[in-house]
PDB file of N, CA and C in Angstrom:
ATOM      1  N   MET A   1       0.823  -1.205   0.000  1.00  0.00           N
ATOM      2  CA  MET A   1       0.046   0.001  -0.002  1.00  0.00           C
ATOM      3  C   MET A   1       0.877   1.260  -0.026  1.00  0.00           C
ATOM      4  N   GLY A   2       2.065   1.163   0.398  1.00  0.00           N
ATOM      5  CA  GLY A   2       3.002   2.320   0.418  1.00  0.00           C
ATOM      6  C   GLY A   2       3.672   2.539  -0.878  1.00  0.00           C
ATOM      7  N   GLU A   3       3.286   1.782  -1.972  1.00  0.00           N
ATOM      8  CA  GLU A   3       3.949   1.934  -3.263  1.00  0.00           C
ATOM      9  C   GLU A   3       3.593   3.321  -3.836  1.00  0.00           C
ATOM     10  N   ARG A   4       4.573   3.800  -4.576  1.00  0.00           N
ATOM     11  CA  ARG A   4       4.328   5.129  -5.292  1.00  0.00           C
ATOM     12  C   ARG A   4       4.290   4.814  -6.732  1.00  0.00           C
ATOM     13  N   PHE A   5       3.271   5.414  -7.403  1.00  0.00           N
ATOM     14  CA  PHE A   5       3.121   5.223  -8.800  1.00  0.00           C
ATOM     15  C   PHE A   5       3.411   6.587  -9.424  1.00  0.00           C
ATOM     16  N   ALA A   6       4.363   6.581 -10.414  1.00  0.00           N
ATOM     17  CA  ALA A   6       4.660   7.798 -11.126  1.00  0.00           C
ATOM     18  C   ALA A   6       3.991   7.639 -12.419  1.00  0.00           C
ATOM     19  N   ALA A   7       3.349   8.745 -12.924  1.00  0.00           N
ATOM     20  CA  ALA A   7       2.783   8.718 -14.232  1.00  0.00           C
ATOM     21  C   ALA A   7       3.938   8.821 -15.296  1.00  0.00           C
ATOM     22  N   ALA A   8       3.869   8.014 -16.219  1.00  0.00           N
ATOM     23  CA  ALA A   8       4.763   7.916 -17.294  1.00  0.00           C
ATOM     24  C   ALA A   8       4.406   8.828 -18.352  1.00  0.00           C
ATOM     25  N   LEU A   9       5.254   9.843 -18.679  1.00  0.00           N
ATOM     26  CA  LEU A   9       4.973  10.745 -19.747  1.00  0.00           C
ATOM     27  C   LEU A   9       5.430  10.205 -21.048  1.00  0.00           C
ATOM     28  N   PRO A  10       4.674  10.470 -22.099  1.00  0.00           N
ATOM     29  CA  PRO A  10       5.279   9.930 -23.386  1.00  0.00           C
ATOM     30  C   PRO A  10       6.541  10.759 -23.733  1.00  0.00           C
ATOM     31  N   ALA A  11       7.335  10.259 -24.675  1.00  0.00           N
ATOM     32  CA  ALA A  11       8.509  10.805 -25.045  1.00  0.00           C
ATOM     33  C   ALA A  11       8.408  12.262 -25.628  1.00  0.00           C
ATOM     34  N   ASN A  12       7.249  12.545 -26.274  1.00  0.00           N
ATOM     35  CA  ASN A  12       7.041  13.827 -26.780  1.00  0.00           C
ATOM     36  C   ASN A  12       6.099  14.701 -26.064  1.00  0.00           C
ATOM     37  N   ALA A  13       6.165  14.593 -24.661  1.00  0.00           N
ATOM     38  CA  ALA A  13       5.271  15.334 -23.726  1.00  0.00           C
ATOM     39  C   ALA A  13       5.347  16.854 -23.820  1.00  0.00           C
ATOM     40  N   TRP A  14       6.425  17.341 -24.321  1.00  0.00           N
ATOM     41  CA  TRP A  14       6.514  18.804 -24.412  1.00  0.00           C
ATOM     42  C   TRP A  14       6.357  19.395 -25.811  1.00  0.00           C
ATOM     43  N   ASN A  15       5.746  18.531 -26.565  1.00  0.00           N
ATOM     44  CA  ASN A  15       5.414  19.064 -27.986  1.00  0.00           C
ATOM     45  C   ASN A  15       4.316  20.082 -27.988  1.00  0.00           C
ATOM     46  N   TRP A  16       3.548  20.199 -26.884  1.00  0.00           N
ATOM     47  CA  TRP A  16       2.435  21.205 -26.779  1.00  0.00           C
ATOM     48  C   TRP A  16       3.081  22.615 -26.809  1.00  0.00           C
ATOM     49  N   ILE A  17       4.232  22.774 -26.355  1.00  0.00           N
ATOM     50  CA  ILE A  17       4.776  24.086 -26.448  1.00  0.00           C
ATOM     51  C   ILE A  17       5.112  24.544 -27.898  1.00  0.00           C
ATOM     52  N   ALA A  18       5.589  23.622 -28.677  1.00  0.00           N
ATOM     53  CA  ALA A  18       5.846  23.912 -30.094  1.00  0.00           C
ATOM     54  C   ALA A  18       4.450  24.131 -30.778  1.00  0.00           C
ATOM     55  N   VAL A  19       3.451  23.398 -30.499  1.00  0.00           N
ATOM     56  CA  VAL A  19       2.167  23.634 -31.115  1.00  0.00           C
ATOM     57  C   VAL A  19       1.568  24.949 -30.635  1.00  0.00           C
ATOM     58  N   TRP A  20       1.714  25.336 -29.420  1.00  0.00           N
ATOM     59  CA  TRP A  20       1.129  26.482 -28.956  1.00  0.00           C
ATOM     60  C   TRP A  20       1.836  27.772 -29.542  1.00  0.00           C
ATOM     61  N   ARG A  21       3.194  27.591 -29.671  1.00  0.00           N
ATOM     62  CA  ARG A  21       4.035  28.695 -30.351  1.00  0.00           C
ATOM     63  C   ARG A  21       3.579  28.832 -31.817  1.00  0.00           C
ATOM     64  N   ARG A  22       3.434  27.693 -32.483  1.00  0.00           N
ATOM     65  CA  ARG A  22       2.982  27.819 -33.841  1.00  0.00           C
ATOM     66  C   ARG A  22       1.655  28.488 -34.026  1.00  0.00           C
ATOM     67  N   ASN A  23       0.714  28.114 -33.150  1.00  0.00           N
ATOM     68  CA  ASN A  23      -0.647  28.786 -33.258  1.00  0.00           C
ATOM     69  C   ASN A  23      -0.566  30.226 -32.891  1.00  0.00           C
ATOM     70  N   HIS A  24       0.241  30.579 -31.900  1.00  0.00           N
ATOM     71  CA  HIS A  24       0.416  31.922 -31.536  1.00  0.00           C
ATOM     72  C   HIS A  24       1.032  32.748 -32.797  1.00  0.00           C
ATOM     73  N   LEU A  25       2.033  32.248 -33.336  1.00  0.00           N
ATOM     74  CA  LEU A  25       2.596  33.014 -34.458  1.00  0.00           C
ATOM     75  C   LEU A  25       1.614  33.092 -35.656  1.00  0.00           C
ATOM     76  N   ALA A  26       0.903  32.071 -35.909  1.00  0.00           N
ATOM     77  CA  ALA A  26      -0.089  32.124 -36.970  1.00  0.00           C
ATOM     78  C   ALA A  26      -1.096  33.066 -36.663  1.00  0.00           C
ATOM     79  N   TRP A  27      -1.652  33.140 -35.361  1.00  0.00           N
ATOM     80  CA  TRP A  27      -2.715  34.154 -34.974  1.00  0.00           C
ATOM     81  C   TRP A  27      -2.165  35.552 -35.105  1.00  0.00           C
ATOM     82  N   LYS A  28      -0.970  35.759 -34.764  1.00  0.00           N
ATOM     83  CA  LYS A  28      -0.349  37.109 -34.878  1.00  0.00           C
ATOM     84  C   LYS A  28      -0.368  37.612 -36.270  1.00  0.00           C
ATOM     85  N   LYS A  29      -0.237  36.780 -37.210  1.00  0.00           N
ATOM     86  CA  LYS A  29      -0.158  37.185 -38.654  1.00  0.00           C
ATOM     87  C   LYS A  29      -1.549  37.630 -39.151  1.00  0.00           C
ATOM     88  N   VAL A  30      -2.665  37.079 -38.612  1.00  0.00           N
ATOM     89  CA  VAL A  30      -3.991  37.284 -39.183  1.00  0.00           C
ATOM     90  C   VAL A  30      -4.868  38.087 -38.100  1.00  0.00           C
ATOM     91  N   ALA A  31      -4.412  38.445 -36.934  1.00  0.00           N
ATOM     92  CA  ALA A  31      -5.195  39.009 -35.890  1.00  0.00           C
ATOM     93  C   ALA A  31      -5.915  40.258 -36.314  1.00  0.00           C
ATOM     94  N   PHE A  32      -5.073  41.199 -36.931  1.00  0.00           N
ATOM     95  CA  PHE A  32      -5.704  42.442 -37.288  1.00  0.00           C
ATOM     96  C   PHE A  32      -6.791  42.262 -38.260  1.00  0.00           C
ATOM     97  N   ALA A  33      -6.566  41.504 -39.328  1.00  0.00           N
ATOM     98  CA  ALA A  33      -7.623  41.301 -40.385  1.00  0.00           C
ATOM     99  C   ALA A  33      -8.870  40.605 -39.798  1.00  0.00           C
ATOM    100  N   SER A  34      -8.532  39.654 -38.941  1.00  0.00           N
ATOM    101  CA  SER A  34      -9.740  38.984 -38.296  1.00  0.00           C
ATOM    102  C   SER A  34     -10.480  39.870 -37.515  1.00  0.00           C
ATOM    103  N   MET A  35      -9.905  40.700 -36.582  1.00  0.00           N
ATOM    104  CA  MET A  35     -10.717  41.630 -35.835  1.00  0.00           C
ATOM    105  C   MET A  35     -11.326  42.695 -36.570  1.00  0.00           C
ATOM    106  N   LEU A  36     -10.697  43.171 -37.660  1.00  0.00           N
ATOM    107  CA  LEU A  36     -11.306  44.162 -38.494  1.00  0.00           C
ATOM    108  C   LEU A  36     -12.516  43.684 -39.156  1.00  0.00           C
ATOM    109  N   GLY A  37     -12.502  42.427 -39.694  1.00  0.00           N
ATOM    110  CA  GLY A  37     -13.573  41.778 -40.344  1.00  0.00           C
ATOM    111  C   GLY A  37     -14.699  41.535 -39.328  1.00  0.00           C
ATOM    112  N   THR A  38     -14.392  41.166 -38.224  1.00  0.00           N
ATOM    113  CA  THR A  38     -15.380  40.880 -37.182  1.00  0.00           C
ATOM    114  C   THR A  38     -16.126  42.145 -36.828  1.00  0.00           C
ATOM    115  N   LEU A  39     -15.459  43.226 -36.736  1.00  0.00           N
ATOM    116  CA  LEU A  39     -16.104  44.490 -36.411  1.00  0.00           C
ATOM    117  C   LEU A  39     -16.769  45.164 -37.606  1.00  0.00           C
ATOM    118  N   ALA A  40     -16.242  45.004 -38.767  1.00  0.00           N
ATOM    119  CA  ALA A  40     -16.738  45.720 -39.883  1.00  0.00           C
ATOM    120  C   ALA A  40     -18.033  44.991 -40.518  1.00  0.00           C
ATOM    121  N   ASP A  41     -18.100  43.696 -40.368  1.00  0.00           N
ATOM    122  CA  ASP A  41     -19.334  43.022 -40.960  1.00  0.00           C
ATOM    123  C   ASP A  41     -20.667  43.540 -40.493  1.00  0.00           C
ATOM    124  N   PRO A  42     -20.810  43.623 -39.106  1.00  0.00           N
ATOM    125  CA  PRO A  42     -22.101  44.109 -38.642  1.00  0.00           C
ATOM    126  C   PRO A  42     -22.372  45.680 -39.018  1.00  0.00           C
ATOM    127  N   MET A  43     -21.231  46.377 -39.049  1.00  0.00           N
ATOM    128  CA  MET A  43     -21.410  47.724 -39.445  1.00  0.00           C
ATOM    129  C   MET A  43     -21.786  47.915 -41.010  1.00  0.00           C
ATOM    130  N   ILE A  44     -21.411  46.989 -41.818  1.00  0.00           N
ATOM    131  CA  ILE A  44     -21.811  47.020 -43.246  1.00  0.00           C
ATOM    132  C   ILE A  44     -23.387  46.720 -43.291  1.00  0.00           C
ATOM    133  N   TYR A  45     -23.807  45.648 -42.584  1.00  0.00           N
ATOM    134  CA  TYR A  45     -25.188  45.380 -42.558  1.00  0.00           C
ATOM    135  C   TYR A  45     -26.037  46.533 -41.994  1.00  0.00           C
ATOM    136  N   LEU A  46     -25.602  47.199 -40.961  1.00  0.00           N
ATOM    137  CA  LEU A  46     -26.311  48.300 -40.375  1.00  0.00           C
ATOM    138  C   LEU A  46     -26.392  49.419 -41.311  1.00  0.00           C
ATOM    139  N   PHE A  47     -25.334  49.716 -41.954  1.00  0.00           N
ATOM    140  CA  PHE A  47     -25.314  50.729 -43.022  1.00  0.00           C
ATOM    141  C   PHE A  47     -26.253  50.515 -44.109  1.00  0.00           C
ATOM    142  N   GLY A  48     -26.279  49.194 -44.589  1.00  0.00           N
ATOM    143  CA  GLY A  48     -27.096  48.775 -45.702  1.00  0.00           C
ATOM    144  C   GLY A  48     -28.554  48.899 -45.350  1.00  0.00           C
ATOM    145  N   LEU A  49     -28.975  48.522 -44.147  1.00  0.00           N
ATOM    146  CA  LEU A  49     -30.341  48.583 -43.738  1.00  0.00           C
ATOM    147  C   LEU A  49     -30.656  50.011 -43.535  1.00  0.00           C
ATOM    148  N   GLY A  50     -29.764  50.899 -42.985  1.00  0.00           N
ATOM    149  CA  GLY A  50     -30.054  52.252 -42.750  1.00  0.00           C
ATOM    150  C   GLY A  50     -30.367  53.011 -44.088  1.00  0.00           C
ATOM    151  N   THR A  51     -29.545  52.681 -45.125  1.00  0.00           N
ATOM    152  CA  THR A  51     -29.841  53.437 -46.322  1.00  0.00           C
ATOM    153  C   THR A  51     -30.960  52.808 -47.113  1.00  0.00           C
ATOM    154  N   GLY A  52     -31.133  51.489 -46.931  1.00  0.00           N
ATOM    155  CA  GLY A  52     -32.310  50.853 -47.653  1.00  0.00           C
ATOM    156  C   GLY A  52     -33.640  51.256 -47.072  1.00  0.00           C
ATOM    157  N   LEU A  53     -33.629  51.270 -45.866  1.00  0.00           N
ATOM    158  CA  LEU A  53     -35.043  51.589 -45.139  1.00  0.00           C
ATOM    159  C   LEU A  53     -35.185  53.086 -44.832  1.00  0.00           C
ATOM    160  N   GLY A  54     -34.094  53.764 -44.857  1.00  0.00           N
ATOM    161  CA  GLY A  54     -34.194  55.267 -44.503  1.00  0.00           C
ATOM    162  C   GLY A  54     -34.373  56.031 -45.677  1.00  0.00           C
TER     163      GLY A  54
END
């Protein structure tokens, strides 16, 4: 009952750092365009409805 069990990590247990870094670098390249599109899309619809109905 006094045995200690150690969880065995796979050989590539630290690959998540490389994956996270790759995702972060890819996000940095497209962050501005993504946020601009996210904010501009509703404004385009509001402008279109405003000019069409007004």
